[in-house]
Amino acid sequence: MNLSDNKIFNNNKSETRNIFVETHFGKPNIFIALLKEFFLAFAIYGSSFIEVFLRKRFGERYMSISHPIITTILIFYFGGYFAKLLRARNGFSFLLIFILIYLGLSIKHRMEISKYGTTYDFKRFSLSHGEIAPFWYKIIGKRIFGVKINEYTVKVVLEPALAFLVGSILLFFSFSRLVGGILIFSAICFAIKNFTQAQLGRNWVLDIIDDKICSELNYDLFIERKPSQETKGIYLPIELPEEEETRRMLYNAFNQSMGIEEDIWVNDELDD
């Protein structure tokens, strides 16, 4: 499942804001966007090794049985290379036990979803990445080393750190070294995925704020030509026409192209 498919985090951006964004930063780089999509998809599959252990109550459309099947096939295919890299000996028996538990938990999560059937009752977000374990809520709101713990801290730092710690301990034993390496790799992917999800949510909120700012300050930019310190940082890096009447015409033409209703006060002033 791709995070960018999530309409909550990939809303249709305002055309008004897009114009100002392109003015400030240029059009988005398609290659960079595709690269981000690739790494995000990679992180989603990689994080599944620990996600099924740390989370519960996944969304119907997020928890797919194809994820553990694909990742299991990849692990067995590349397992020999990982074993050589980590100098793991006789670790395949322990790996097999880990994979069986991993597959068992994945099937369990999927069966919990399936037993309720496909429902349209608005009781559960179908793209949910799961809920954190109950014990995390005991430390949320408290301070650790001066840092206040919230759900963001748990998902981006503490959950991956716990898996990383367990993986690091397993690296000390030759029979479990292969599984330890997998857990460390999965912990890194888990942190990347959770951080990306948080950034997408943050950008969604900022998009709404920027949309409101851009919509409110069109008049100040086009008609009054106010500097950026008076328009909350927005500016047009061009020299607008000196004639106010021309600027008013540009203002209304811009609003029409964006599907925004014309300013009746501007039109009345033009008629006068």
C-alpha atoms as a PDB file:
ATOM      1  CA  MET A   1       0.000   0.000   0.000  1.00  0.00           C
ATOM      2  CA  ASN A   2       1.391   3.387  -0.962  1.00  0.00           C
ATOM      3  CA  LEU A   3       1.092   6.264   1.461  1.00  0.00           C
ATOM      4  CA  SER A   4       0.666   8.720  -1.377  1.00  0.00           C
ATOM      5  CA  ASP A   5      -2.571   6.910  -2.335  1.00  0.00           C
ATOM      6  CA  ASN A   6      -4.016   8.029   0.968  1.00  0.00           C
ATOM      7  CA  LYS A   7      -6.418  10.841   0.104  1.00  0.00           C
ATOM      8  CA  ILE A   8      -6.160  12.188   3.639  1.00  0.00           C
ATOM      9  CA  PHE A   9      -2.505  12.995   3.031  1.00  0.00           C
ATOM     10  CA  ASN A  10      -2.742  13.697  -0.694  1.00  0.00           C
ATOM     11  CA  ASN A  11      -5.590  16.175  -1.019  1.00  0.00           C
ATOM     12  CA  ASN A  12      -6.251  18.073  -4.234  1.00  0.00           C
ATOM     13  CA  LYS A  13      -4.108  21.145  -3.784  1.00  0.00           C
ATOM     14  CA  SER A  14      -5.552  24.555  -4.474  1.00  0.00           C
ATOM     15  CA  GLU A  15      -4.635  25.895  -7.905  1.00  0.00           C
ATOM     16  CA  THR A  16      -4.195  29.323  -6.320  1.00  0.00           C
ATOM     17  CA  ARG A  17      -1.600  28.023  -3.908  1.00  0.00           C
ATOM     18  CA  ASN A  18       0.086  25.944  -6.611  1.00  0.00           C
ATOM     19  CA  ILE A  19       0.772  29.058  -8.668  1.00  0.00           C
ATOM     20  CA  PHE A  20       2.456  30.782  -5.730  1.00  0.00           C
ATOM     21  CA  VAL A  21       4.397  27.619  -4.835  1.00  0.00           C
ATOM     22  CA  GLU A  22       5.695  27.322  -8.402  1.00  0.00           C
ATOM     23  CA  THR A  23       6.576  31.019  -8.367  1.00  0.00           C
ATOM     24  CA  HIS A  24       8.678  30.545  -5.241  1.00  0.00           C
ATOM     25  CA  PHE A  25      10.199  27.117  -5.881  1.00  0.00           C
ATOM     26  CA  GLY A  26       9.442  26.105  -9.460  1.00  0.00           C
ATOM     27  CA  LYS A  27       7.498  23.075 -10.646  1.00  0.00           C
ATOM     28  CA  PRO A  28       8.025  19.790  -8.781  1.00  0.00           C
ATOM     29  CA  ASN A  29      10.785  17.507 -10.048  1.00  0.00           C
ATOM     30  CA  ILE A  30       9.130  14.341 -11.386  1.00  0.00           C
ATOM     31  CA  PHE A  31      12.306  12.262 -10.939  1.00  0.00           C
ATOM     32  CA  ILE A  32      12.637  13.274  -7.271  1.00  0.00           C
ATOM     33  CA  ALA A  33       8.942  12.528  -6.717  1.00  0.00           C
ATOM     34  CA  LEU A  34       9.323   9.040  -8.228  1.00  0.00           C
ATOM     35  CA  LEU A  35      12.441   8.428  -6.140  1.00  0.00           C
ATOM     36  CA  LYS A  36      10.530   9.324  -2.988  1.00  0.00           C
ATOM     37  CA  GLU A  37       7.719   6.979  -4.020  1.00  0.00           C
ATOM     38  CA  PHE A  38      10.218   4.143  -4.491  1.00  0.00           C
ATOM     39  CA  PHE A  39      11.889   4.603  -1.105  1.00  0.00           C
ATOM     40  CA  LEU A  40       8.521   4.947   0.596  1.00  0.00           C
ATOM     41  CA  ALA A  41       7.233   1.700  -0.939  1.00  0.00           C
ATOM     42  CA  PHE A  42      10.535   0.019   0.012  1.00  0.00           C
ATOM     43  CA  ALA A  43      10.185   1.256   3.607  1.00  0.00           C
ATOM     44  CA  ILE A  44       6.576   0.038   3.851  1.00  0.00           C
ATOM     45  CA  TYR A  45       7.526  -3.518   2.871  1.00  0.00           C
ATOM     46  CA  GLY A  46      10.680  -3.472   4.989  1.00  0.00           C
ATOM     47  CA  SER A  47       8.868  -2.284   8.106  1.00  0.00           C
ATOM     48  CA  SER A  48       6.315  -5.101   7.987  1.00  0.00           C
ATOM     49  CA  PHE A  49       8.727  -7.474   9.809  1.00  0.00           C
ATOM     50  CA  ILE A  50       8.280  -5.593  13.084  1.00  0.00           C
ATOM     51  CA  GLU A  51       4.983  -3.842  12.429  1.00  0.00           C
ATOM     52  CA  VAL A  52       2.966  -7.005  13.033  1.00  0.00           C
ATOM     53  CA  PHE A  53       4.680  -7.418  16.426  1.00  0.00           C
ATOM     54  CA  LEU A  54       4.264  -3.817  17.619  1.00  0.00           C
ATOM     55  CA  ARG A  55       0.881  -2.745  16.253  1.00  0.00           C
ATOM     56  CA  LYS A  56      -2.707  -3.985  16.362  1.00  0.00           C
ATOM     57  CA  ARG A  57      -6.067  -3.212  14.709  1.00  0.00           C
ATOM     58  CA  PHE A  58      -4.813  -2.430  11.220  1.00  0.00           C
ATOM     59  CA  GLY A  59      -7.031  -0.928   8.570  1.00  0.00           C
ATOM     60  CA  GLU A  60      -8.816  -3.235   6.145  1.00  0.00           C
ATOM     61  CA  ARG A  61      -7.063  -1.827   3.087  1.00  0.00           C
ATOM     62  CA  TYR A  62      -3.650  -1.477   4.731  1.00  0.00           C
ATOM     63  CA  MET A  63      -3.109  -4.956   6.165  1.00  0.00           C
ATOM     64  CA  SER A  64      -2.694  -7.105   3.083  1.00  0.00           C
ATOM     65  CA  ILE A  65      -1.616 -10.741   3.243  1.00  0.00           C
ATOM     66  CA  SER A  66       0.475 -10.143   0.113  1.00  0.00           C
ATOM     67  CA  HIS A  67       2.994  -8.054   2.094  1.00  0.00           C
ATOM     68  CA  PRO A  68       4.257 -10.858   4.368  1.00  0.00           C
ATOM     69  CA  ILE A  69       4.243 -13.350   1.494  1.00  0.00           C
ATOM     70  CA  ILE A  70       6.373 -11.098  -0.724  1.00  0.00           C
ATOM     71  CA  THR A  71       8.777 -10.165   2.077  1.00  0.00           C
ATOM     72  CA  THR A  72       9.154 -13.815   3.115  1.00  0.00           C
ATOM     73  CA  ILE A  73      10.047 -14.822  -0.442  1.00  0.00           C
ATOM     74  CA  LEU A  74      12.619 -12.015  -0.603  1.00  0.00           C
ATOM     75  CA  ILE A  75      14.158 -13.019   2.722  1.00  0.00           C
ATOM     76  CA  PHE A  76      14.617 -16.632   1.660  1.00  0.00           C
ATOM     77  CA  TYR A  77      15.975 -15.513  -1.706  1.00  0.00           C
ATOM     78  CA  PHE A  78      18.533 -13.080  -0.266  1.00  0.00           C
ATOM     79  CA  GLY A  79      19.024 -14.902   3.055  1.00  0.00           C
ATOM     80  CA  GLY A  80      22.298 -16.466   1.977  1.00  0.00           C
ATOM     81  CA  TYR A  81      23.779 -13.083   1.095  1.00  0.00           C
ATOM     82  CA  PHE A  82      22.708 -11.625   4.438  1.00  0.00           C
ATOM     83  CA  ALA A  83      24.179 -14.607   6.273  1.00  0.00           C
ATOM     84  CA  LYS A  84      27.564 -14.097   4.589  1.00  0.00           C
ATOM     85  CA  LEU A  85      27.456 -10.353   5.223  1.00  0.00           C
ATOM     86  CA  LEU A  86      26.689 -10.823   8.927  1.00  0.00           C
ATOM     87  CA  ARG A  87      28.884 -13.934   9.265  1.00  0.00           C
ATOM     88  CA  ALA A  88      25.894 -15.808  10.623  1.00  0.00           C
ATOM     89  CA  ARG A  89      26.281 -19.556  11.024  1.00  0.00           C
ATOM     90  CA  ASN A  90      23.504 -22.086  11.446  1.00  0.00           C
ATOM     91  CA  GLY A  91      21.005 -19.260  11.647  1.00  0.00           C
ATOM     92  CA  PHE A  92      18.422 -20.570   9.210  1.00  0.00           C
ATOM     93  CA  SER A  93      16.601 -22.645  11.828  1.00  0.00           C
ATOM     94  CA  PHE A  94      16.125 -19.562  13.992  1.00  0.00           C
ATOM     95  CA  LEU A  95      15.176 -17.580  10.884  1.00  0.00           C
ATOM     96  CA  LEU A  96      12.551 -20.189  10.006  1.00  0.00           C
ATOM     97  CA  ILE A  97      11.027 -19.903  13.486  1.00  0.00           C
ATOM     98  CA  PHE A  98      10.967 -16.108  13.174  1.00  0.00           C
ATOM     99  CA  ILE A  99       9.351 -16.265   9.723  1.00  0.00           C
ATOM    100  CA  LEU A 100       6.686 -18.697  10.930  1.00  0.00           C
ATOM    101  CA  ILE A 101       5.807 -16.405  13.846  1.00  0.00           C
ATOM    102  CA  TYR A 102       5.817 -13.405  11.504  1.00  0.00           C
ATOM    103  CA  LEU A 103       3.493 -15.127   9.029  1.00  0.00           C
ATOM    104  CA  GLY A 104       1.276 -16.380  11.835  1.00  0.00           C
ATOM    105  CA  LEU A 105       0.832 -12.890  13.285  1.00  0.00           C
ATOM    106  CA  SER A 106       0.195 -11.432   9.827  1.00  0.00           C
ATOM    107  CA  ILE A 107      -2.532 -13.995   9.169  1.00  0.00           C
ATOM    108  CA  LYS A 108      -3.975 -13.368  12.644  1.00  0.00           C
ATOM    109  CA  HIS A 109      -4.205  -9.609  11.994  1.00  0.00           C
ATOM    110  CA  ARG A 110      -5.805 -10.233   8.624  1.00  0.00           C
ATOM    111  CA  MET A 111      -8.313 -12.711  10.071  1.00  0.00           C
ATOM    112  CA  GLU A 112      -9.304 -10.190  12.743  1.00  0.00           C
ATOM    113  CA  ILE A 113     -10.182  -7.793   9.945  1.00  0.00           C
ATOM    114  CA  SER A 114     -11.862 -10.400   7.740  1.00  0.00           C
ATOM    115  CA  LYS A 115     -14.179 -11.762  10.425  1.00  0.00           C
ATOM    116  CA  TYR A 116     -16.072  -8.475  10.439  1.00  0.00           C
ATOM    117  CA  GLY A 117     -16.435  -8.569   6.661  1.00  0.00           C
ATOM    118  CA  THR A 118     -16.474  -5.539   4.404  1.00  0.00           C
ATOM    119  CA  THR A 119     -18.400  -2.831   6.208  1.00  0.00           C
ATOM    120  CA  TYR A 120     -19.369   0.734   5.354  1.00  0.00           C
ATOM    121  CA  ASP A 121     -20.369   1.925   8.804  1.00  0.00           C
ATOM    122  CA  PHE A 122     -17.696   4.618   9.352  1.00  0.00           C
ATOM    123  CA  LYS A 123     -16.419   2.861  12.464  1.00  0.00           C
ATOM    124  CA  ARG A 124     -12.871   2.232  11.249  1.00  0.00           C
ATOM    125  CA  PHE A 125     -10.412   4.024   8.968  1.00  0.00           C
ATOM    126  CA  SER A 126      -9.636   1.424   6.288  1.00  0.00           C
ATOM    127  CA  LEU A 127      -6.112   2.735   5.639  1.00  0.00           C
ATOM    128  CA  SER A 128      -5.058   2.748   9.299  1.00  0.00           C
ATOM    129  CA  HIS A 129      -1.450   1.719   9.931  1.00  0.00           C
ATOM    130  CA  GLY A 130      -2.494   0.147  13.208  1.00  0.00           C
ATOM    131  CA  GLU A 131      -2.616   1.259  16.825  1.00  0.00           C
ATOM    132  CA  ILE A 132       0.387   1.429  19.118  1.00  0.00           C
ATOM    133  CA  ALA A 133       0.592  -1.043  22.010  1.00  0.00           C
ATOM    134  CA  PRO A 134      -1.250  -0.032  25.215  1.00  0.00           C
ATOM    135  CA  PHE A 135       1.948   0.204  27.319  1.00  0.00           C
ATOM    136  CA  TRP A 136       3.121   3.197  25.264  1.00  0.00           C
ATOM    137  CA  TYR A 137       0.196   5.242  26.547  1.00  0.00           C
ATOM    138  CA  LYS A 138       1.597   4.937  30.072  1.00  0.00           C
ATOM    139  CA  ILE A 139       4.569   7.129  29.136  1.00  0.00           C
ATOM    140  CA  ILE A 140       2.805   9.525  26.727  1.00  0.00           C
ATOM    141  CA  GLY A 141       2.711  12.962  28.357  1.00  0.00           C
ATOM    142  CA  LYS A 142       5.755  12.265  30.520  1.00  0.00           C
ATOM    143  CA  ARG A 143       9.272  13.616  30.002  1.00  0.00           C
ATOM    144  CA  ILE A 144      12.297  11.445  29.269  1.00  0.00           C
ATOM    145  CA  PHE A 145      15.674  13.224  29.274  1.00  0.00           C
ATOM    146  CA  GLY A 146      13.795  16.510  29.075  1.00  0.00           C
ATOM    147  CA  VAL A 147      11.773  15.478  26.010  1.00  0.00           C
ATOM    148  CA  LYS A 148       7.996  15.314  26.347  1.00  0.00           C
ATOM    149  CA  ILE A 149       6.703  12.039  24.938  1.00  0.00           C
ATOM    150  CA  ASN A 150       3.763  12.143  22.541  1.00  0.00           C
ATOM    151  CA  GLU A 151       2.359   9.724  19.972  1.00  0.00           C
ATOM    152  CA  TYR A 152       4.663  11.152  17.285  1.00  0.00           C
ATOM    153  CA  THR A 153       7.717  10.401  19.464  1.00  0.00           C
ATOM    154  CA  VAL A 154       6.497   6.861  20.083  1.00  0.00           C
ATOM    155  CA  LYS A 155       5.900   6.080  16.413  1.00  0.00           C
ATOM    156  CA  VAL A 156       8.970   7.755  14.927  1.00  0.00           C
ATOM    157  CA  VAL A 157      11.547   7.141  17.674  1.00  0.00           C
ATOM    158  CA  LEU A 158      10.568   4.698  20.420  1.00  0.00           C
ATOM    159  CA  GLU A 159       8.909   1.911  18.419  1.00  0.00           C
ATOM    160  CA  PRO A 160      11.791   1.669  15.902  1.00  0.00           C
ATOM    161  CA  ALA A 161      14.330   2.056  18.735  1.00  0.00           C
ATOM    162  CA  LEU A 162      12.836  -0.908  20.597  1.00  0.00           C
ATOM    163  CA  ALA A 163      13.083  -3.115  17.500  1.00  0.00           C
ATOM    164  CA  PHE A 164      16.607  -1.827  16.809  1.00  0.00           C
ATOM    165  CA  LEU A 165      17.658  -2.677  20.371  1.00  0.00           C
ATOM    166  CA  VAL A 166      16.287  -6.228  20.141  1.00  0.00           C
ATOM    167  CA  GLY A 167      17.990  -6.696  16.768  1.00  0.00           C
ATOM    168  CA  SER A 168      21.302  -5.420  18.163  1.00  0.00           C
ATOM    169  CA  ILE A 169      21.149  -7.924  21.038  1.00  0.00           C
ATOM    170  CA  LEU A 170      20.467 -10.786  18.622  1.00  0.00           C
ATOM    171  CA  LEU A 171      23.561  -9.808  16.613  1.00  0.00           C
ATOM    172  CA  PHE A 172      25.775 -10.999  19.469  1.00  0.00           C
ATOM    173  CA  PHE A 173      24.762 -14.637  18.909  1.00  0.00           C
ATOM    174  CA  SER A 174      25.713 -16.459  15.727  1.00  0.00           C
ATOM    175  CA  PHE A 175      22.493 -18.494  15.559  1.00  0.00           C
ATOM    176  CA  SER A 176      20.285 -15.367  15.787  1.00  0.00           C
ATOM    177  CA  ARG A 177      22.510 -12.917  13.917  1.00  0.00           C
ATOM    178  CA  LEU A 178      20.526 -13.175  10.693  1.00  0.00           C
ATOM    179  CA  VAL A 179      17.236 -12.352  12.429  1.00  0.00           C
ATOM    180  CA  GLY A 180      18.973  -9.535  14.306  1.00  0.00           C
ATOM    181  CA  GLY A 181      20.096  -7.995  11.028  1.00  0.00           C
ATOM    182  CA  ILE A 182      16.565  -8.257   9.642  1.00  0.00           C
ATOM    183  CA  LEU A 183      15.124  -6.532  12.726  1.00  0.00           C
ATOM    184  CA  ILE A 184      17.653  -3.693  12.516  1.00  0.00           C
ATOM    185  CA  PHE A 185      16.924  -3.202   8.829  1.00  0.00           C
ATOM    186  CA  SER A 186      13.184  -3.333   9.492  1.00  0.00           C
ATOM    187  CA  ALA A 187      13.500  -0.840  12.364  1.00  0.00           C
ATOM    188  CA  ILE A 188      15.189   1.673  10.056  1.00  0.00           C
ATOM    189  CA  CYS A 189      12.464   1.181   7.438  1.00  0.00           C
ATOM    190  CA  PHE A 190       9.806   1.526  10.146  1.00  0.00           C
ATOM    191  CA  ALA A 191      11.263   4.841  11.320  1.00  0.00           C
ATOM    192  CA  ILE A 192      11.440   6.157   7.742  1.00  0.00           C
ATOM    193  CA  LYS A 193       7.850   5.130   7.038  1.00  0.00           C
ATOM    194  CA  ASN A 194       6.479   6.652  10.245  1.00  0.00           C
ATOM    195  CA  PHE A 195       8.450   9.863   9.754  1.00  0.00           C
ATOM    196  CA  THR A 196       7.221  10.149   6.159  1.00  0.00           C
ATOM    197  CA  GLN A 197       3.645   9.568   7.254  1.00  0.00           C
ATOM    198  CA  ALA A 198       4.001  12.314   9.868  1.00  0.00           C
ATOM    199  CA  GLN A 199       5.493  14.698   7.290  1.00  0.00           C
ATOM    200  CA  LEU A 200       2.642  14.023   4.864  1.00  0.00           C
ATOM    201  CA  GLY A 201       0.144  14.831   7.593  1.00  0.00           C
ATOM    202  CA  ARG A 202       2.046  17.992   8.524  1.00  0.00           C
ATOM    203  CA  ASN A 203       2.196  19.094   4.883  1.00  0.00           C
ATOM    204  CA  TRP A 204      -1.537  18.501   4.550  1.00  0.00           C
ATOM    205  CA  VAL A 205      -2.206  20.919   7.437  1.00  0.00           C
ATOM    206  CA  LEU A 206       0.275  23.465   6.037  1.00  0.00           C
ATOM    207  CA  ASP A 207      -1.404  23.204   2.614  1.00  0.00           C
ATOM    208  CA  ILE A 208      -4.723  24.210   4.162  1.00  0.00           C
ATOM    209  CA  ILE A 209      -3.082  27.140   5.965  1.00  0.00           C
ATOM    210  CA  ASP A 210      -1.219  28.281   2.835  1.00  0.00           C
ATOM    211  CA  ASP A 211      -4.388  27.967   0.767  1.00  0.00           C
ATOM    212  CA  LYS A 212      -6.211  30.317   3.128  1.00  0.00           C
ATOM    213  CA  ILE A 213      -3.308  32.790   3.182  1.00  0.00           C
ATOM    214  CA  CYS A 214      -2.987  32.834  -0.619  1.00  0.00           C
ATOM    215  CA  SER A 215      -6.725  33.292  -1.102  1.00  0.00           C
ATOM    216  CA  GLU A 216      -6.902  36.148   1.398  1.00  0.00           C
ATOM    217  CA  LEU A 217      -3.889  38.078   0.119  1.00  0.00           C
ATOM    218  CA  ASN A 218      -4.528  38.087  -3.644  1.00  0.00           C
ATOM    219  CA  TYR A 219      -5.874  41.634  -3.422  1.00  0.00           C
ATOM    220  CA  ASP A 220      -2.884  42.880  -1.422  1.00  0.00           C
ATOM    221  CA  LEU A 221      -0.477  41.350  -3.948  1.00  0.00           C
ATOM    222  CA  PHE A 222      -2.151  42.388  -7.201  1.00  0.00           C
ATOM    223  CA  ILE A 223      -3.893  45.642  -6.367  1.00  0.00           C
ATOM    224  CA  GLU A 224      -1.955  47.206  -3.521  1.00  0.00           C
ATOM    225  CA  ARG A 225       1.451  45.654  -4.376  1.00  0.00           C
ATOM    226  CA  LYS A 226       2.335  45.247  -0.730  1.00  0.00           C
ATOM    227  CA  PRO A 227       5.833  43.985   0.182  1.00  0.00           C
ATOM    228  CA  SER A 228       6.334  40.458   1.506  1.00  0.00           C
ATOM    229  CA  GLN A 229       6.674  41.648   5.114  1.00  0.00           C
ATOM    230  CA  GLU A 230       3.044  42.766   4.905  1.00  0.00           C
ATOM    231  CA  THR A 231       1.748  39.673   3.061  1.00  0.00           C
ATOM    232  CA  LYS A 232       2.981  36.952   5.437  1.00  0.00           C
ATOM    233  CA  GLY A 233       5.958  36.178   3.200  1.00  0.00           C
ATOM    234  CA  ILE A 234       4.161  35.841  -0.153  1.00  0.00           C
ATOM    235  CA  TYR A 235       5.484  37.915  -3.025  1.00  0.00           C
ATOM    236  CA  LEU A 236       5.354  38.113  -6.792  1.00  0.00           C
ATOM    237  CA  PRO A 237       8.917  38.383  -8.154  1.00  0.00           C
ATOM    238  CA  ILE A 238       7.806  40.560 -11.079  1.00  0.00           C
ATOM    239  CA  GLU A 239       7.098  44.228 -11.683  1.00  0.00           C
ATOM    240  CA  LEU A 240       3.338  44.640 -11.877  1.00  0.00           C
ATOM    241  CA  PRO A 241       1.806  47.303 -14.178  1.00  0.00           C
ATOM    242  CA  GLU A 242       1.848  50.838 -12.814  1.00  0.00           C
ATOM    243  CA  GLU A 243      -1.758  51.503 -13.819  1.00  0.00           C
ATOM    244  CA  GLU A 244      -4.084  50.471 -11.023  1.00  0.00           C
ATOM    245  CA  GLU A 245      -6.894  49.783 -13.478  1.00  0.00           C
ATOM    246  CA  THR A 246      -4.701  47.244 -15.312  1.00  0.00           C
ATOM    247  CA  ARG A 247      -3.789  45.579 -12.031  1.00  0.00           C
ATOM    248  CA  ARG A 248      -7.468  45.325 -11.126  1.00  0.00           C
ATOM    249  CA  MET A 249      -8.188  43.685 -14.461  1.00  0.00           C
ATOM    250  CA  LEU A 250      -5.321  41.243 -13.866  1.00  0.00           C
ATOM    251  CA  TYR A 251      -6.657  40.550 -10.385  1.00  0.00           C
ATOM    252  CA  ASN A 252     -10.131  39.618 -11.643  1.00  0.00           C
ATOM    253  CA  ALA A 253      -8.724  37.691 -14.623  1.00  0.00           C
ATOM    254  CA  PHE A 254      -6.552  35.691 -12.220  1.00  0.00           C
ATOM    255  CA  ASN A 255      -9.524  34.949  -9.971  1.00  0.00           C
ATOM    256  CA  GLN A 256     -11.626  33.864 -12.955  1.00  0.00           C
ATOM    257  CA  SER A 257      -8.896  31.485 -14.144  1.00  0.00           C
ATOM    258  CA  MET A 258      -8.806  29.967 -10.648  1.00  0.00           C
ATOM    259  CA  GLY A 259     -12.588  29.644 -10.458  1.00  0.00           C
ATOM    260  CA  ILE A 260     -12.818  32.340  -7.775  1.00  0.00           C
ATOM    261  CA  GLU A 261     -15.753  34.711  -7.862  1.00  0.00           C
ATOM    262  CA  GLU A 262     -14.931  38.200  -9.039  1.00  0.00           C
ATOM    263  CA  ASP A 263     -14.596  40.910  -6.434  1.00  0.00           C
ATOM    264  CA  ILE A 264     -17.740  43.023  -6.875  1.00  0.00           C
ATOM    265  CA  TRP A 265     -16.114  45.940  -5.068  1.00  0.00           C
ATOM    266  CA  VAL A 266     -13.260  45.969  -7.559  1.00  0.00           C
ATOM    267  CA  ASN A 267     -15.722  45.884 -10.466  1.00  0.00           C
ATOM    268  CA  ASP A 268     -17.760  48.736  -8.956  1.00  0.00           C
ATOM    269  CA  GLU A 269     -14.629  50.844  -8.647  1.00  0.00           C
ATOM    270  CA  LEU A 270     -13.731  50.089 -12.274  1.00  0.00           C
ATOM    271  CA  ASP A 271     -17.204  51.186 -13.401  1.00  0.00           C
ATOM    272  CA  ASP A 272     -16.813  54.437 -11.488  1.00  0.00           C
END
